[in-house]
Amino acid sequence: MAVVLPWSNAFMNILIFGGILFIIQNAIIDKRIFSRLKKASLLFYLCLAFIGMILLNGVLLNDPKGFHYVLRMLTVLILPVMMKIMIGKTTDNQIRKIINLYIHSVSILCLASLLIAISGMVLKANTVLTLKDIAYTNLSSVLVNHEPIYFSLFVGLAILLATSEFLSKKNSRKSLIYVVGVVFLLLFLFLLGSRTTILATFVSLGVLGIVRSRKFLVGLLLLFTIIFAVNYNYNSSFRLRIDYVINFNTEFNFQENWSYEGLAVRFMTWNCSLEGISNHFWLGTGVSGAQDYLDNCFREHKYESLLFFTRENGAVFNSHNLYLDVFLKLGVFGFVLLMTILILILYKSSRYKNIHLLLILTFFMVNGLTESVLVREKGIMLFTFFFGLFLCYNPKQPKITITK
């Protein structure tokens, strides 16, 4: 429920324990589960090793606070194990129902958020409604307290799954429904304005176009151009964020105004993360030690922008990069293990011609360039669920078929 209903954040920790009870219950009922789990794939054991490395890292560095992270990361194992147990009991048709439930759930959340945001602005006296007023944080947190980046992850993934479903449908009426849904979700994604997720979504759609339909690729490029142009010209919030990229300045100063320039922030966090990796190459800083190291580094470098925002707003800035985050916390062995897992997933998606798995992997890896997507429960739960779903079930349709 925490995945297919993106507003049910409160369920996430409960679901971890529910998943454990599910596994125990099935183990009692069906003794064959143990033999099935013994034949688990190499990928499962790599994930187990990754969690074990977090535990070992906590012991070696005397990092008891880091053990809490293990609890959050348990979903990396629990969800795939649950799905492994259900192999043979769930049909491809049921999997497609899960996919469609997720698409519809995200669409309803987006529509409700948009209507509430518009209503809130209309009810304000003497206010002229503009796209800026229903964009970014003004839109992402009106119904559920989502940050734009995490809300965007749900929306971007829904777009990928809906597009894949559209390309696999032969019924024109059903195809039209998916087209309308994708266009709406794309418009909503641009209003959220999370630049990396927009990029990750279109890169992933480009991969889908290459392997499924070149005509779709041309249409996608045209659609992106139109939506981008409309938002850039009429959505001042989006235009400002794009201009920050074009006129990138590492000396951006929060103290001049309260605007948030994510790319400049990430330049500072990446610089300190790389220094931390250099100083703690083998074992890393530990899970809880990473934030202490970064905070000290910000002060040493006198990154006034970060210090100002932390002091005035209580903000905490992590590495803002999946790969640097893991390297800084777990050292070179943890980083190599993470990359091995991702490469193995890429291999499996190609070998078994699983387009869904390939799309999710592409989306995950691109978002990981500017966001530590395995830091919060939302990111862990979302990606673990869908990775586990398509790794375990490997639905036969739609498959990757290279278009000549």
Protein backbone atom coordinates (compact mmCIF):
# COMPACT_ATOMS: atom_id res chain seq x y z
CA MET A 1 0.00 0.00 0.00
CA ALA A 2 2.88 2.37 0.68
CA VAL A 3 3.87 2.01 -2.98
CA VAL A 4 0.59 1.87 -4.87
CA LEU A 5 -0.89 4.56 -2.58
CA PRO A 6 1.81 7.24 -2.49
CA TRP A 7 -0.01 9.19 0.24
CA SER A 8 0.20 6.31 2.74
CA ASN A 9 3.63 7.22 4.14
CA ALA A 10 2.60 6.25 7.66
CA PHE A 11 2.34 2.60 6.60
CA MET A 12 5.96 2.24 5.56
CA ASN A 13 7.51 1.21 8.87
CA ILE A 14 4.48 -0.96 9.70
CA LEU A 15 4.87 -2.75 6.37
CA ILE A 16 8.40 -3.85 7.25
CA PHE A 17 7.10 -5.85 10.21
CA GLY A 18 4.07 -6.96 8.21
CA GLY A 19 6.40 -8.31 5.54
CA ILE A 20 8.37 -10.29 8.11
CA LEU A 21 5.14 -11.79 9.47
CA PHE A 22 4.07 -12.63 5.90
CA ILE A 23 7.30 -14.55 5.32
CA ILE A 24 7.03 -16.41 8.64
CA GLN A 25 3.40 -17.31 8.00
CA ASN A 26 4.13 -18.72 4.55
CA ALA A 27 7.18 -20.58 5.84
CA ILE A 28 4.96 -22.35 8.40
CA ILE A 29 2.26 -23.18 5.85
CA ASP A 30 4.52 -24.24 2.95
CA LYS A 31 7.78 -26.02 3.83
CA ARG A 32 8.89 -25.83 0.17
CA ILE A 33 9.54 -22.12 0.63
CA PHE A 34 12.88 -22.85 2.28
CA SER A 35 14.13 -24.87 -0.68
CA ARG A 36 12.88 -22.15 -3.02
CA LEU A 37 14.75 -19.47 -1.09
CA LYS A 38 17.90 -21.60 -1.01
CA LYS A 39 17.87 -21.44 -4.81
CA ALA A 40 17.65 -17.66 -4.74
CA SER A 41 19.61 -15.80 -7.37
CA LEU A 42 23.03 -14.25 -6.97
CA LEU A 43 21.35 -10.85 -6.89
CA PHE A 44 19.48 -11.76 -3.70
CA TYR A 45 22.70 -12.76 -1.98
CA LEU A 46 24.39 -9.57 -3.14
CA CYS A 47 21.58 -7.55 -1.54
CA LEU A 48 22.03 -9.63 1.61
CA ALA A 49 25.76 -8.89 1.51
CA PHE A 50 25.03 -5.17 1.08
CA ILE A 51 22.93 -5.09 4.25
CA GLY A 52 25.52 -7.23 6.02
CA MET A 53 28.17 -4.71 5.05
CA ILE A 54 26.13 -1.92 6.64
CA LEU A 55 25.97 -3.96 9.86
CA LEU A 56 29.68 -4.80 9.74
CA ASN A 57 30.49 -1.18 9.04
CA GLY A 58 28.51 -0.16 12.12
CA VAL A 59 30.40 -2.65 14.29
CA LEU A 60 33.86 -1.72 13.02
CA LEU A 61 33.25 2.01 13.32
CA ASN A 62 31.24 1.78 16.55
CA ASP A 63 28.27 3.36 14.82
CA PRO A 64 25.12 2.19 16.69
CA LYS A 65 23.00 4.96 15.16
CA GLY A 66 23.79 3.49 11.77
CA PHE A 67 21.90 0.31 12.68
CA HIS A 68 18.63 2.22 12.32
CA TYR A 69 19.45 2.53 8.63
CA VAL A 70 19.56 -1.27 8.43
CA LEU A 71 15.93 -1.36 9.58
CA ARG A 72 14.95 0.90 6.70
CA MET A 73 17.04 -1.11 4.26
CA LEU A 74 15.39 -4.39 5.30
CA THR A 75 12.82 -3.79 2.58
CA VAL A 76 15.62 -4.48 0.09
CA LEU A 77 15.35 -8.10 1.24
CA ILE A 78 11.81 -8.39 2.60
CA LEU A 79 9.94 -7.32 -0.54
CA PRO A 80 11.90 -9.56 -2.97
CA VAL A 81 11.53 -12.51 -0.57
CA MET A 82 7.77 -11.92 -0.38
CA MET A 83 7.61 -11.84 -4.16
CA LYS A 84 9.82 -14.93 -4.43
CA ILE A 85 7.34 -16.76 -2.20
CA MET A 86 4.47 -15.74 -4.48
CA ILE A 87 6.11 -16.96 -7.71
CA GLY A 88 3.74 -19.35 -9.42
CA LYS A 89 0.80 -17.99 -7.43
CA THR A 90 0.46 -14.69 -9.28
CA THR A 91 -0.30 -14.42 -12.98
CA ASP A 92 1.00 -11.91 -15.51
CA ASN A 93 -2.52 -10.50 -15.64
CA GLN A 94 -2.42 -9.81 -11.90
CA ILE A 95 0.95 -8.11 -12.29
CA ARG A 96 -0.51 -5.82 -14.91
CA LYS A 97 -3.31 -5.01 -12.47
CA ILE A 98 -0.67 -3.97 -9.92
CA ILE A 99 0.94 -1.75 -12.54
CA ASN A 100 -2.38 -0.15 -13.44
CA LEU A 101 -3.30 0.28 -9.78
CA TYR A 102 -0.08 2.22 -9.30
CA ILE A 103 -0.69 4.38 -12.40
CA HIS A 104 -4.27 5.19 -11.35
CA SER A 105 -3.28 5.83 -7.74
CA VAL A 106 -0.57 8.33 -8.70
CA SER A 107 -2.90 9.98 -11.24
CA ILE A 108 -5.59 10.47 -8.60
CA LEU A 109 -3.05 11.91 -6.17
CA CYS A 110 -1.79 14.33 -8.84
CA LEU A 111 -5.27 15.42 -9.89
CA ALA A 112 -6.40 15.94 -6.29
CA SER A 113 -3.23 17.91 -5.47
CA LEU A 114 -3.66 20.10 -8.55
CA LEU A 115 -7.32 20.85 -7.81
CA ILE A 116 -6.58 21.70 -4.17
CA ALA A 117 -3.67 23.96 -5.18
CA ILE A 118 -5.82 25.80 -7.73
CA SER A 119 -8.74 26.12 -5.29
CA GLY A 120 -6.43 27.52 -2.62
CA MET A 121 -5.19 30.24 -4.96
CA VAL A 122 -8.64 31.09 -6.30
CA LEU A 123 -9.99 31.54 -2.78
CA LYS A 124 -7.32 34.09 -1.97
CA ALA A 125 -8.64 37.60 -2.36
CA ASN A 126 -7.24 39.85 -5.11
CA THR A 127 -4.95 37.12 -6.43
CA VAL A 128 -4.29 36.46 -10.10
CA LEU A 129 -3.67 32.77 -10.65
CA THR A 130 -0.37 31.95 -12.37
CA LEU A 131 1.50 28.70 -13.01
CA LYS A 132 4.08 29.75 -10.44
CA ASP A 133 1.40 29.67 -7.74
CA ILE A 134 0.65 26.00 -8.38
CA ALA A 135 4.20 24.83 -9.01
CA TYR A 136 7.00 23.19 -7.04
CA THR A 137 6.41 23.14 -3.25
CA ASN A 138 3.08 24.98 -3.66
CA LEU A 139 1.87 21.88 -5.47
CA SER A 140 3.78 18.98 -3.94
CA SER A 141 2.68 19.40 -0.33
CA VAL A 142 -0.92 20.62 -0.51
CA LEU A 143 -2.39 17.13 0.03
CA VAL A 144 0.52 15.03 1.24
CA ASN A 145 3.74 16.35 2.75
CA HIS A 146 5.91 15.26 -0.19
CA GLU A 147 9.05 17.09 -1.22
CA PRO A 148 8.99 17.84 -4.97
CA ILE A 149 11.82 15.40 -5.72
CA TYR A 150 10.09 12.42 -4.06
CA PHE A 151 6.67 13.31 -5.44
CA SER A 152 8.36 13.52 -8.85
CA LEU A 153 9.78 10.00 -8.44
CA PHE A 154 6.26 8.59 -8.07
CA VAL A 155 5.00 10.60 -11.05
CA GLY A 156 7.96 9.83 -13.33
CA LEU A 157 7.69 6.11 -12.68
CA ALA A 158 3.94 6.21 -13.35
CA ILE A 159 4.66 7.89 -16.70
CA LEU A 160 7.10 5.13 -17.67
CA LEU A 161 4.71 2.33 -16.75
CA ALA A 162 1.73 4.03 -18.42
CA THR A 163 3.72 4.59 -21.62
CA SER A 164 4.83 0.97 -21.67
CA GLU A 165 1.22 -0.14 -21.23
CA PHE A 166 0.14 2.21 -24.04
CA LEU A 167 2.66 0.72 -26.46
CA SER A 168 1.48 -2.80 -25.65
CA LYS A 169 -2.24 -2.11 -26.16
CA LYS A 170 -3.99 -2.91 -29.41
CA ASN A 171 -7.36 -1.57 -28.29
CA SER A 172 -7.56 2.04 -29.52
CA ARG A 173 -9.95 3.12 -26.75
CA LYS A 174 -7.65 1.85 -23.99
CA SER A 175 -4.66 3.36 -25.78
CA LEU A 176 -6.36 6.77 -25.80
CA ILE A 177 -6.86 6.58 -22.03
CA TYR A 178 -3.15 5.98 -21.54
CA VAL A 179 -2.25 8.86 -23.89
CA VAL A 180 -4.41 11.28 -21.90
CA GLY A 181 -2.94 9.97 -18.65
CA VAL A 182 0.66 10.29 -19.82
CA VAL A 183 0.15 13.84 -21.11
CA PHE A 184 -1.48 14.90 -17.83
CA LEU A 185 1.26 13.31 -15.73
CA LEU A 186 3.95 14.94 -17.89
CA LEU A 187 2.37 18.36 -17.40
CA PHE A 188 2.18 17.69 -13.66
CA LEU A 189 5.82 16.57 -13.60
CA PHE A 190 6.92 19.86 -15.19
CA LEU A 191 4.85 21.81 -12.65
CA LEU A 192 6.70 19.99 -9.87
CA GLY A 193 9.85 21.20 -11.61
CA SER A 194 12.31 18.58 -10.33
CA ARG A 195 14.92 18.86 -13.08
CA THR A 196 16.70 15.54 -12.56
CA THR A 197 13.47 13.54 -12.47
CA ILE A 198 12.29 15.24 -15.66
CA LEU A 199 15.62 14.30 -17.26
CA ALA A 200 15.46 10.73 -15.90
CA THR A 201 11.90 10.32 -17.18
CA PHE A 202 12.73 11.43 -20.72
CA VAL A 203 15.99 9.46 -20.83
CA SER A 204 14.05 6.36 -19.80
CA LEU A 205 11.32 7.10 -22.34
CA GLY A 206 14.05 7.54 -24.95
CA VAL A 207 15.33 4.06 -24.13
CA LEU A 208 11.78 2.76 -24.50
CA GLY A 209 11.47 4.52 -27.87
CA ILE A 210 14.75 3.04 -29.13
CA VAL A 211 13.78 -0.53 -28.33
CA ARG A 212 10.07 -0.35 -29.10
CA SER A 213 9.15 2.39 -31.58
CA ARG A 214 11.20 4.98 -33.44
CA LYS A 215 7.99 6.87 -34.29
CA PHE A 216 7.28 7.13 -30.60
CA LEU A 217 10.76 8.57 -30.10
CA VAL A 218 10.06 11.37 -32.59
CA GLY A 219 6.68 12.10 -30.99
CA LEU A 220 8.30 12.10 -27.55
CA LEU A 221 10.86 14.69 -28.62
CA LEU A 222 8.11 16.90 -30.04
CA LEU A 223 5.99 16.55 -26.89
CA PHE A 224 8.97 17.37 -24.65
CA THR A 225 9.76 20.47 -26.71
CA ILE A 226 6.18 21.76 -26.49
CA ILE A 227 5.78 21.16 -22.74
CA PHE A 228 9.23 22.57 -22.02
CA ALA A 229 8.57 25.72 -24.07
CA VAL A 230 5.17 26.35 -22.44
CA ASN A 231 6.58 25.95 -18.93
CA TYR A 232 9.68 28.02 -19.64
CA ASN A 233 7.63 30.92 -21.03
CA TYR A 234 4.67 30.89 -18.63
CA ASN A 235 5.94 29.20 -15.45
CA SER A 236 8.40 31.59 -13.80
CA SER A 237 9.30 29.02 -11.14
CA PHE A 238 10.39 26.51 -13.79
CA ARG A 239 12.15 29.17 -15.85
CA LEU A 240 14.16 30.30 -12.83
CA ARG A 241 15.34 26.74 -12.14
CA ILE A 242 16.41 26.26 -15.76
CA ASP A 243 18.19 29.63 -15.80
CA TYR A 244 20.15 28.56 -12.73
CA VAL A 245 21.49 25.63 -14.71
CA ILE A 246 22.31 27.73 -17.77
CA ASN A 247 24.00 30.41 -15.67
CA PHE A 248 25.53 27.99 -13.18
CA ASN A 249 27.41 29.78 -10.42
CA THR A 250 29.18 27.88 -7.65
CA GLU A 251 29.16 31.04 -5.51
CA PHE A 252 25.37 31.20 -5.32
CA ASN A 253 24.48 32.77 -1.96
CA PHE A 254 21.28 31.98 -0.07
CA GLN A 255 21.73 35.06 2.08
CA GLU A 256 20.87 37.36 -0.83
CA ASN A 257 17.38 35.86 -1.02
CA TRP A 258 15.49 32.74 -0.03
CA SER A 259 15.49 31.10 -3.46
CA TYR A 260 16.86 27.58 -3.51
CA GLU A 261 19.44 26.68 -6.16
CA GLY A 262 19.78 22.93 -6.03
CA LEU A 263 22.67 22.60 -8.48
CA ALA A 264 24.90 24.99 -6.55
CA VAL A 265 24.04 23.15 -3.34
CA ARG A 266 24.95 19.83 -4.93
CA PHE A 267 28.28 21.19 -6.15
CA MET A 268 29.15 21.93 -2.50
CA THR A 269 27.89 18.59 -1.16
CA TRP A 270 29.67 16.66 -3.94
CA ASN A 271 32.93 18.45 -3.19
CA CYS A 272 32.77 17.57 0.51
CA SER A 273 31.67 13.99 -0.30
CA LEU A 274 34.69 13.49 -2.56
CA GLU A 275 36.97 14.81 0.18
CA GLY A 276 35.37 12.39 2.64
CA ILE A 277 35.83 9.49 0.24
CA SER A 278 39.49 10.39 -0.18
CA ASN A 279 39.99 10.50 3.60
CA HIS A 280 37.94 7.37 4.39
CA PHE A 281 38.47 5.34 1.23
CA TRP A 282 38.41 1.79 2.59
CA LEU A 283 35.77 1.71 5.35
CA GLY A 284 33.95 4.98 4.81
CA THR A 285 32.68 7.23 7.57
CA GLY A 286 29.84 4.98 8.68
CA VAL A 287 26.15 5.72 8.18
CA SER A 288 25.75 8.32 10.92
CA GLY A 289 29.33 9.57 10.58
CA ALA A 290 28.70 10.74 7.01
CA GLN A 291 26.46 13.62 8.03
CA ASP A 292 28.86 14.75 10.76
CA TYR A 293 31.70 14.75 8.26
CA LEU A 294 29.72 16.75 5.71
CA ASP A 295 28.57 19.33 8.28
CA ASN A 296 32.16 19.87 9.43
CA CYS A 297 33.33 20.14 5.84
CA PHE A 298 30.71 22.79 5.07
CA ARG A 299 31.98 24.84 7.99
CA GLU A 300 35.64 24.38 7.06
CA HIS A 301 35.02 25.50 3.47
CA LYS A 302 32.78 28.32 4.71
CA TYR A 303 29.92 27.32 2.44
CA GLU A 304 27.79 30.19 3.74
CA SER A 305 24.82 29.26 1.59
CA LEU A 306 24.47 25.85 3.24
CA LEU A 307 25.27 27.16 6.70
CA PHE A 308 22.72 29.95 6.34
CA PHE A 309 19.95 27.62 5.21
CA THR A 310 20.78 25.12 7.96
CA ARG A 311 20.84 27.82 10.63
CA GLU A 312 17.65 29.58 9.51
CA ASN A 313 15.59 26.64 8.31
CA GLY A 314 17.11 23.61 10.02
CA ALA A 315 17.94 21.99 6.68
CA VAL A 316 20.33 19.02 6.56
CA PHE A 317 22.27 18.42 3.35
CA ASN A 318 23.46 14.91 2.51
CA SER A 319 25.66 13.92 -0.45
CA HIS A 320 22.79 14.40 -2.93
CA ASN A 321 24.23 11.60 -5.05
CA LEU A 322 23.46 7.90 -4.68
CA TYR A 323 26.94 6.74 -5.63
CA LEU A 324 28.88 9.27 -3.54
CA ASP A 325 26.53 8.66 -0.60
CA VAL A 326 27.21 4.90 -0.54
CA PHE A 327 30.96 5.37 -1.15
CA LEU A 328 31.23 7.93 1.66
CA LYS A 329 29.31 5.78 4.17
CA LEU A 330 30.55 2.27 3.32
CA GLY A 331 33.87 2.81 1.58
CA VAL A 332 35.12 1.25 -1.63
CA PHE A 333 33.75 -2.24 -0.89
CA GLY A 334 30.21 -0.94 -0.40
CA PHE A 335 30.44 1.11 -3.58
CA VAL A 336 31.73 -1.84 -5.63
CA LEU A 337 28.95 -4.02 -4.24
CA LEU A 338 26.30 -1.44 -5.18
CA MET A 339 27.63 -1.14 -8.73
CA THR A 340 27.78 -4.93 -9.05
CA ILE A 341 24.10 -5.14 -8.07
CA LEU A 342 23.11 -2.48 -10.63
CA ILE A 343 25.18 -4.09 -13.41
CA LEU A 344 23.63 -7.49 -12.65
CA ILE A 345 20.14 -5.99 -12.86
CA LEU A 346 21.08 -4.47 -16.21
CA TYR A 347 22.31 -7.87 -17.39
CA LYS A 348 19.10 -9.59 -16.29
CA SER A 349 16.90 -6.96 -17.96
CA SER A 350 18.75 -7.53 -21.24
CA ARG A 351 18.98 -11.32 -21.00
CA TYR A 352 15.32 -11.83 -20.17
CA LYS A 353 14.19 -8.96 -22.42
CA ASN A 354 12.32 -7.26 -19.60
CA ILE A 355 11.57 -3.71 -20.66
CA HIS A 356 9.95 -2.78 -17.34
CA LEU A 357 13.08 -3.70 -15.43
CA LEU A 358 15.27 -1.77 -17.87
CA LEU A 359 13.09 1.35 -17.58
CA ILE A 360 13.10 1.32 -13.78
CA LEU A 361 16.87 0.76 -13.65
CA THR A 362 17.51 3.67 -16.04
CA PHE A 363 15.15 5.91 -14.07
CA PHE A 364 16.79 4.91 -10.78
CA MET A 365 20.37 5.42 -11.93
CA VAL A 366 19.78 8.84 -13.53
CA ASN A 367 17.94 10.11 -10.45
CA GLY A 368 20.83 8.82 -8.38
CA LEU A 369 23.13 11.38 -10.00
CA THR A 370 21.68 14.27 -7.97
CA GLU A 371 19.70 12.57 -5.21
CA SER A 372 20.56 10.01 -2.51
CA VAL A 373 17.50 7.92 -3.35
CA LEU A 374 18.33 5.19 -0.82
CA VAL A 375 18.38 7.56 2.16
CA ARG A 376 14.64 7.93 2.79
CA GLU A 377 12.00 5.26 3.17
CA LYS A 378 10.03 6.64 0.22
CA GLY A 379 12.84 6.00 -2.23
CA ILE A 380 13.83 2.67 -0.70
CA MET A 381 10.28 1.32 -0.68
CA LEU A 382 9.40 2.55 -4.17
CA PHE A 383 12.39 1.16 -6.02
CA THR A 384 12.71 -2.03 -3.97
CA PHE A 385 9.11 -2.91 -4.67
CA PHE A 386 9.34 -2.55 -8.44
CA PHE A 387 12.82 -4.02 -8.74
CA GLY A 388 11.64 -7.02 -6.74
CA LEU A 389 8.42 -7.30 -8.71
CA PHE A 390 10.02 -7.47 -12.15
CA LEU A 391 13.11 -9.39 -11.08
CA CYS A 392 11.03 -12.16 -9.53
CA TYR A 393 8.15 -12.35 -11.96
CA ASN A 394 9.81 -11.28 -15.17
CA PRO A 395 6.52 -10.70 -17.02
CA LYS A 396 6.54 -12.01 -20.57
CA GLN A 397 4.93 -8.88 -22.00
CA PRO A 398 6.05 -6.37 -23.00
CA LYS A 399 9.47 -7.62 -24.08
CA ILE A 400 12.36 -5.72 -25.55
CA THR A 401 12.30 -6.05 -29.33
CA ILE A 402 14.76 -3.88 -31.20
CA THR A 403 13.04 -1.98 -33.99
CA LYS A 404 14.89 -1.84 -37.27
